[in-house]
Amino acid sequence: MSKAANGGVADGVRATAMFAGTSALSAEELVDSTGAGDSFIGSVCYALCEGLPRDRMLQLASYVAATNCRSLGPRPGLPHRADVPARLL
């Protein structure tokens, strides 16, 4: 292992950080974050299988996770594909 210039630790693995603009979820809209991480990762898997560009992948995953947080429980807030903005698919 070696210490990287930015303070990170590397073990011969190349890593890349990705950032993309997302929609904000206001405190008033937040009901329950249960399942947000799972829905984010599920959306990333979907985007990878569909061959979406990285920026859209992150925007889609953030949208799905945030939408899921607007309902109580891990599944009721998941959007149907038809409810996802076309620009994210």
C-alpha atoms as a PDB file:
ATOM      1  CA  MET A   1       0.000   0.000   0.000  1.00  0.00           C
ATOM      2  CA  SER A   2       1.076   3.520  -0.657  1.00  0.00           C
ATOM      3  CA  LYS A   3      -0.246   6.879   0.393  1.00  0.00           C
ATOM      4  CA  ALA A   4      -1.590   8.957  -2.484  1.00  0.00           C
ATOM      5  CA  ALA A   5      -0.879  12.677  -2.857  1.00  0.00           C
ATOM      6  CA  ASN A   6      -4.431  13.541  -1.759  1.00  0.00           C
ATOM      7  CA  GLY A   7      -4.100  11.501   1.433  1.00  0.00           C
ATOM      8  CA  GLY A   8      -5.896   8.403   0.153  1.00  0.00           C
ATOM      9  CA  VAL A   9      -4.419   4.941   0.448  1.00  0.00           C
ATOM     10  CA  ALA A  10      -3.916   2.867  -2.689  1.00  0.00           C
ATOM     11  CA  ASP A  11      -3.199  -0.828  -3.058  1.00  0.00           C
ATOM     12  CA  GLY A  12      -2.461  -0.967  -6.765  1.00  0.00           C
ATOM     13  CA  VAL A  13      -6.101  -0.326  -7.639  1.00  0.00           C
ATOM     14  CA  ARG A  14      -7.122   2.607  -9.816  1.00  0.00           C
ATOM     15  CA  ALA A  15     -10.229   4.389  -8.580  1.00  0.00           C
ATOM     16  CA  THR A  16     -12.238   7.184 -10.111  1.00  0.00           C
ATOM     17  CA  ALA A  17     -14.624   9.540  -8.342  1.00  0.00           C
ATOM     18  CA  MET A  18     -17.748  10.489 -10.279  1.00  0.00           C
ATOM     19  CA  PHE A  19     -20.002  13.473  -9.639  1.00  0.00           C
ATOM     20  CA  ALA A  20     -23.252  14.475 -11.302  1.00  0.00           C
ATOM     21  CA  GLY A  21     -25.863  17.116 -10.613  1.00  0.00           C
ATOM     22  CA  THR A  22     -29.024  15.808  -9.009  1.00  0.00           C
ATOM     23  CA  SER A  23     -32.392  17.051  -7.880  1.00  0.00           C
ATOM     24  CA  ALA A  24     -32.663  18.145  -4.280  1.00  0.00           C
ATOM     25  CA  LEU A  25     -35.097  16.571  -1.834  1.00  0.00           C
ATOM     26  CA  SER A  26     -36.421  19.077   0.680  1.00  0.00           C
ATOM     27  CA  ALA A  27     -36.740  18.244   4.370  1.00  0.00           C
ATOM     28  CA  GLU A  28     -40.527  18.508   4.032  1.00  0.00           C
ATOM     29  CA  GLU A  29     -40.534  15.808   1.323  1.00  0.00           C
ATOM     30  CA  LEU A  30     -38.381  13.372   3.300  1.00  0.00           C
ATOM     31  CA  VAL A  31     -40.510  10.670   4.916  1.00  0.00           C
ATOM     32  CA  ASP A  32     -38.247   7.621   5.323  1.00  0.00           C
ATOM     33  CA  SER A  33     -34.772   6.809   4.009  1.00  0.00           C
ATOM     34  CA  THR A  34     -35.226   3.048   4.390  1.00  0.00           C
ATOM     35  CA  GLY A  35     -34.246   1.436   1.095  1.00  0.00           C
ATOM     36  CA  ALA A  36     -32.610   4.541  -0.375  1.00  0.00           C
ATOM     37  CA  GLY A  37     -29.190   2.903  -0.654  1.00  0.00           C
ATOM     38  CA  ASP A  38     -30.614  -0.294  -2.119  1.00  0.00           C
ATOM     39  CA  SER A  39     -32.660   1.617  -4.673  1.00  0.00           C
ATOM     40  CA  PHE A  40     -29.588   3.699  -5.581  1.00  0.00           C
ATOM     41  CA  ILE A  41     -27.446   0.591  -6.161  1.00  0.00           C
ATOM     42  CA  GLY A  42     -30.269  -1.162  -8.025  1.00  0.00           C
ATOM     43  CA  SER A  43     -30.545   1.832 -10.332  1.00  0.00           C
ATOM     44  CA  VAL A  44     -26.782   1.814 -10.920  1.00  0.00           C
ATOM     45  CA  CYS A  45     -26.987  -1.880 -11.879  1.00  0.00           C
ATOM     46  CA  TYR A  46     -29.890  -1.128 -14.243  1.00  0.00           C
ATOM     47  CA  ALA A  47     -27.969   1.756 -15.827  1.00  0.00           C
ATOM     48  CA  LEU A  48     -24.856  -0.395 -16.299  1.00  0.00           C
ATOM     49  CA  CYS A  49     -26.909  -3.127 -17.977  1.00  0.00           C
ATOM     50  CA  GLU A  50     -28.535  -0.529 -20.255  1.00  0.00           C
ATOM     51  CA  GLY A  51     -25.174   1.040 -21.111  1.00  0.00           C
ATOM     52  CA  LEU A  52     -26.156   4.502 -19.866  1.00  0.00           C
ATOM     53  CA  PRO A  53     -23.406   7.132 -19.624  1.00  0.00           C
ATOM     54  CA  ARG A  54     -21.972   7.619 -16.149  1.00  0.00           C
ATOM     55  CA  ASP A  55     -23.497  11.051 -15.580  1.00  0.00           C
ATOM     56  CA  ARG A  56     -27.003   9.789 -16.426  1.00  0.00           C
ATOM     57  CA  MET A  57     -26.401   6.665 -14.331  1.00  0.00           C
ATOM     58  CA  LEU A  58     -25.727   8.798 -11.251  1.00  0.00           C
ATOM     59  CA  GLN A  59     -28.629  11.140 -11.972  1.00  0.00           C
ATOM     60  CA  LEU A  60     -31.007   8.190 -12.408  1.00  0.00           C
ATOM     61  CA  ALA A  61     -29.796   6.488  -9.229  1.00  0.00           C
ATOM     62  CA  SER A  62     -30.113   9.714  -7.239  1.00  0.00           C
ATOM     63  CA  TYR A  63     -33.593  10.360  -8.621  1.00  0.00           C
ATOM     64  CA  VAL A  64     -34.823   6.858  -7.743  1.00  0.00           C
ATOM     65  CA  ALA A  65     -33.301   6.956  -4.249  1.00  0.00           C
ATOM     66  CA  ALA A  66     -34.740  10.409  -3.533  1.00  0.00           C
ATOM     67  CA  THR A  67     -38.158   9.425  -4.865  1.00  0.00           C
ATOM     68  CA  ASN A  68     -38.113   6.354  -2.639  1.00  0.00           C
ATOM     69  CA  CYS A  69     -37.535   8.593   0.401  1.00  0.00           C
ATOM     70  CA  ARG A  70     -40.899  10.295  -0.144  1.00  0.00           C
ATOM     71  CA  SER A  71     -42.834   7.259   1.180  1.00  0.00           C
ATOM     72  CA  LEU A  72     -42.754   5.112   4.286  1.00  0.00           C
ATOM     73  CA  GLY A  73     -40.918   1.820   3.857  1.00  0.00           C
ATOM     74  CA  PRO A  74     -38.382   0.451   1.382  1.00  0.00           C
ATOM     75  CA  ARG A  75     -40.669  -0.260  -1.613  1.00  0.00           C
ATOM     76  CA  PRO A  76     -43.823   1.896  -1.803  1.00  0.00           C
ATOM     77  CA  GLY A  77     -41.902   4.968  -2.966  1.00  0.00           C
ATOM     78  CA  LEU A  78     -40.035   3.280  -5.799  1.00  0.00           C
ATOM     79  CA  PRO A  79     -41.017   4.946  -9.062  1.00  0.00           C
ATOM     80  CA  HIS A  80     -42.408   2.962 -11.969  1.00  0.00           C
ATOM     81  CA  ARG A  81     -40.334   3.246 -15.127  1.00  0.00           C
ATOM     82  CA  ALA A  82     -43.094   5.337 -16.739  1.00  0.00           C
ATOM     83  CA  ASP A  83     -42.767   7.884 -13.905  1.00  0.00           C
ATOM     84  CA  VAL A  84     -39.019   8.396 -14.404  1.00  0.00           C
ATOM     85  CA  PRO A  85     -38.178  11.419 -16.579  1.00  0.00           C
ATOM     86  CA  ALA A  86     -37.198  10.283 -20.080  1.00  0.00           C
ATOM     87  CA  ARG A  87     -33.972  12.331 -19.919  1.00  0.00           C
ATOM     88  CA  LEU A  88     -32.714   9.918 -17.227  1.00  0.00           C
ATOM     89  CA  LEU A  89     -33.388   6.701 -19.149  1.00  0.00           C
END
